[in-house]
Amino acid sequence: MNSIILFAHGSRDPLWHEPIKAIAKKIELDHPGTMVRCAYLELTEPSLLSCVDELVQLGCTDLTLFPLFLGVGRHAREDLPLLCAEVQARHPKLTLKRLPSAGEFPQVIELLAQIALQA
């Protein structure tokens, strides 16, 4: 079973989570057979590890992790690889594919530039 985790920094402000939840909902609407979860590095739940544990328990064997970071800072370069190693240690049979951070995709840069120019 394939699954996607949208991974973001996290915030105590519930409104901050709305865009991430909107992305998850769009994926679910467009691909009803795909399980999608939102996970956060800090300041809020659920954590990446708890989401992975849940998905594995539900039968997930292939997991795509999409870091929703615009910049490739310390969290993307250092924290995330450590968390991925912990995921693999806990679930050695899980196939984990980590995508580049959102800000590394040319499509994201292009879209943000187009939106900025609409002002």
C-alpha atoms as a PDB file:
ATOM      1  CA  MET A   1       0.000   0.000   0.000  1.00  0.00           C
ATOM      2  CA  ASN A   2       1.322   3.443  -0.983  1.00  0.00           C
ATOM      3  CA  SER A   3       1.222   6.413   1.340  1.00  0.00           C
ATOM      4  CA  ILE A   4       2.407  10.013   1.431  1.00  0.00           C
ATOM      5  CA  ILE A   5       3.478  12.070   4.411  1.00  0.00           C
ATOM      6  CA  LEU A   6       3.585  15.825   4.010  1.00  0.00           C
ATOM      7  CA  PHE A   7       6.263  16.914   6.465  1.00  0.00           C
ATOM      8  CA  ALA A   8       6.409  20.492   7.720  1.00  0.00           C
ATOM      9  CA  HIS A   9       8.016  22.437  10.542  1.00  0.00           C
ATOM     10  CA  GLY A  10       4.958  22.847  12.752  1.00  0.00           C
ATOM     11  CA  SER A  11       3.334  25.681  14.663  1.00  0.00           C
ATOM     12  CA  ARG A  12       1.124  26.146  17.686  1.00  0.00           C
ATOM     13  CA  ASP A  13      -1.145  28.362  15.563  1.00  0.00           C
ATOM     14  CA  PRO A  14      -3.936  26.170  14.130  1.00  0.00           C
ATOM     15  CA  LEU A  15      -4.337  28.468  11.097  1.00  0.00           C
ATOM     16  CA  TRP A  16      -0.731  27.762  10.101  1.00  0.00           C
ATOM     17  CA  HIS A  17      -1.683  24.127   9.405  1.00  0.00           C
ATOM     18  CA  GLU A  18      -4.467  24.917   6.930  1.00  0.00           C
ATOM     19  CA  PRO A  19      -2.343  25.037   3.724  1.00  0.00           C
ATOM     20  CA  ILE A  20      -0.709  21.718   4.575  1.00  0.00           C
ATOM     21  CA  LYS A  21      -4.099  20.132   5.241  1.00  0.00           C
ATOM     22  CA  ALA A  22      -5.361  21.593   1.942  1.00  0.00           C
ATOM     23  CA  ILE A  23      -2.533  19.888   0.047  1.00  0.00           C
ATOM     24  CA  ALA A  24      -3.372  16.584   1.757  1.00  0.00           C
ATOM     25  CA  LYS A  25      -7.045  16.958   0.893  1.00  0.00           C
ATOM     26  CA  LYS A  26      -6.208  17.707  -2.762  1.00  0.00           C
ATOM     27  CA  ILE A  27      -4.067  14.570  -2.977  1.00  0.00           C
ATOM     28  CA  GLU A  28      -6.825  12.476  -1.393  1.00  0.00           C
ATOM     29  CA  LEU A  29      -9.437  13.867  -3.814  1.00  0.00           C
ATOM     30  CA  ASP A  30      -7.255  13.295  -6.872  1.00  0.00           C
ATOM     31  CA  HIS A  31      -5.952   9.872  -5.738  1.00  0.00           C
ATOM     32  CA  PRO A  32      -8.554   8.240  -3.465  1.00  0.00           C
ATOM     33  CA  GLY A  33      -6.511   5.061  -2.951  1.00  0.00           C
ATOM     34  CA  THR A  34      -3.541   6.916  -1.480  1.00  0.00           C
ATOM     35  CA  MET A  35      -3.305   7.416   2.263  1.00  0.00           C
ATOM     36  CA  VAL A  36      -2.012  10.895   3.097  1.00  0.00           C
ATOM     37  CA  ARG A  37      -0.883  12.187   6.472  1.00  0.00           C
ATOM     38  CA  CYS A  38       0.550  15.481   7.697  1.00  0.00           C
ATOM     39  CA  ALA A  39       3.458  15.288  10.141  1.00  0.00           C
ATOM     40  CA  TYR A  40       5.444  17.968  11.894  1.00  0.00           C
ATOM     41  CA  LEU A  41       8.980  18.402  13.135  1.00  0.00           C
ATOM     42  CA  GLU A  42       8.125  20.326  16.285  1.00  0.00           C
ATOM     43  CA  LEU A  43       5.600  22.469  18.141  1.00  0.00           C
ATOM     44  CA  THR A  44       2.644  20.308  17.148  1.00  0.00           C
ATOM     45  CA  GLU A  45       1.487  16.753  16.591  1.00  0.00           C
ATOM     46  CA  PRO A  46       1.557  14.320  14.968  1.00  0.00           C
ATOM     47  CA  SER A  47       5.254  13.634  14.676  1.00  0.00           C
ATOM     48  CA  LEU A  48       6.813  11.949  11.667  1.00  0.00           C
ATOM     49  CA  LEU A  49       7.508   8.778  13.650  1.00  0.00           C
ATOM     50  CA  SER A  50       3.951   8.477  14.940  1.00  0.00           C
ATOM     51  CA  CYS A  51       2.545   8.953  11.417  1.00  0.00           C
ATOM     52  CA  VAL A  52       4.862   6.305  10.011  1.00  0.00           C
ATOM     53  CA  ASP A  53       3.968   3.903  12.826  1.00  0.00           C
ATOM     54  CA  GLU A  54       0.261   4.410  12.095  1.00  0.00           C
ATOM     55  CA  LEU A  55       0.651   3.927   8.345  1.00  0.00           C
ATOM     56  CA  VAL A  56       2.747   0.778   8.758  1.00  0.00           C
ATOM     57  CA  GLN A  57       0.144  -0.619  11.139  1.00  0.00           C
ATOM     58  CA  LEU A  58      -2.487   0.056   8.445  1.00  0.00           C
ATOM     59  CA  GLY A  59      -0.465  -1.933   5.919  1.00  0.00           C
ATOM     60  CA  CYS A  60       1.717   0.686   4.272  1.00  0.00           C
ATOM     61  CA  THR A  61       4.756  -0.815   2.550  1.00  0.00           C
ATOM     62  CA  ASP A  62       5.809   2.128   0.348  1.00  0.00           C
ATOM     63  CA  LEU A  63       6.025   5.634   1.749  1.00  0.00           C
ATOM     64  CA  THR A  64       6.803   8.910   0.033  1.00  0.00           C
ATOM     65  CA  LEU A  65       7.964  11.690   2.337  1.00  0.00           C
ATOM     66  CA  PHE A  66       7.555  15.215   0.983  1.00  0.00           C
ATOM     67  CA  PRO A  67       9.271  17.920   3.072  1.00  0.00           C
ATOM     68  CA  LEU A  68       7.291  21.135   2.742  1.00  0.00           C
ATOM     69  CA  PHE A  69      10.228  23.457   3.318  1.00  0.00           C
ATOM     70  CA  LEU A  70      10.961  26.329   0.945  1.00  0.00           C
ATOM     71  CA  GLY A  71      14.546  26.650   2.083  1.00  0.00           C
ATOM     72  CA  VAL A  72      17.003  23.842   2.563  1.00  0.00           C
ATOM     73  CA  GLY A  73      18.132  24.783   6.042  1.00  0.00           C
ATOM     74  CA  ARG A  74      19.294  22.777   9.007  1.00  0.00           C
ATOM     75  CA  HIS A  75      15.978  20.958   9.425  1.00  0.00           C
ATOM     76  CA  ALA A  76      16.088  19.638   5.850  1.00  0.00           C
ATOM     77  CA  ARG A  77      19.852  18.988   5.794  1.00  0.00           C
ATOM     78  CA  GLU A  78      20.395  17.576   9.291  1.00  0.00           C
ATOM     79  CA  ASP A  79      17.215  16.804  11.230  1.00  0.00           C
ATOM     80  CA  LEU A  80      15.287  15.074   8.461  1.00  0.00           C
ATOM     81  CA  PRO A  81      18.017  12.572   7.484  1.00  0.00           C
ATOM     82  CA  LEU A  82      18.307  11.552  11.147  1.00  0.00           C
ATOM     83  CA  LEU A  83      14.543  11.074  11.383  1.00  0.00           C
ATOM     84  CA  CYS A  84      14.536   9.033   8.161  1.00  0.00           C
ATOM     85  CA  ALA A  85      17.275   6.806   9.553  1.00  0.00           C
ATOM     86  CA  GLU A  86      15.171   6.292  12.678  1.00  0.00           C
ATOM     87  CA  VAL A  87      12.137   5.439  10.532  1.00  0.00           C
ATOM     88  CA  GLN A  88      14.145   2.830   8.592  1.00  0.00           C
ATOM     89  CA  ALA A  89      15.542   1.342  11.803  1.00  0.00           C
ATOM     90  CA  ARG A  90      12.029   0.990  13.254  1.00  0.00           C
ATOM     91  CA  HIS A  91      10.520  -0.305  10.013  1.00  0.00           C
ATOM     92  CA  PRO A  92      13.260  -2.033   7.981  1.00  0.00           C
ATOM     93  CA  LYS A  93      10.791  -3.541   5.481  1.00  0.00           C
ATOM     94  CA  LEU A  94       9.301  -0.139   4.629  1.00  0.00           C
ATOM     95  CA  THR A  95      10.359   1.372   1.307  1.00  0.00           C
ATOM     96  CA  LEU A  96      10.920   5.059   2.098  1.00  0.00           C
ATOM     97  CA  LYS A  97      11.313   7.593  -0.686  1.00  0.00           C
ATOM     98  CA  ARG A  98      12.253  11.090   0.475  1.00  0.00           C
ATOM     99  CA  LEU A  99      11.547  13.802  -2.050  1.00  0.00           C
ATOM    100  CA  PRO A 100      13.628  16.980  -2.169  1.00  0.00           C
ATOM    101  CA  SER A 101      12.256  19.906  -0.179  1.00  0.00           C
ATOM    102  CA  ALA A 102       9.415  21.758  -1.906  1.00  0.00           C
ATOM    103  CA  GLY A 103      11.606  24.804  -2.559  1.00  0.00           C
ATOM    104  CA  GLU A 104      14.019  22.720  -4.620  1.00  0.00           C
ATOM    105  CA  PHE A 105      11.446  22.012  -7.330  1.00  0.00           C
ATOM    106  CA  PRO A 106      11.645  24.380 -10.314  1.00  0.00           C
ATOM    107  CA  GLN A 107       7.839  24.193 -10.644  1.00  0.00           C
ATOM    108  CA  VAL A 108       7.408  25.646  -7.149  1.00  0.00           C
ATOM    109  CA  ILE A 109       9.864  28.491  -7.852  1.00  0.00           C
ATOM    110  CA  GLU A 110       8.111  29.244 -11.153  1.00  0.00           C
ATOM    111  CA  LEU A 111       4.644  29.240  -9.574  1.00  0.00           C
ATOM    112  CA  LEU A 112       5.703  31.506  -6.698  1.00  0.00           C
ATOM    113  CA  ALA A 113       7.331  33.919  -9.147  1.00  0.00           C
ATOM    114  CA  GLN A 114       4.145  34.001 -11.251  1.00  0.00           C
ATOM    115  CA  ILE A 115       2.017  34.672  -8.179  1.00  0.00           C
ATOM    116  CA  ALA A 116       4.349  37.496  -7.066  1.00  0.00           C
ATOM    117  CA  LEU A 117       4.122  39.120 -10.486  1.00  0.00           C
ATOM    118  CA  GLN A 118       0.305  39.135 -10.367  1.00  0.00           C
ATOM    119  CA  ALA A 119       0.298  41.841  -7.701  1.00  0.00           C
END
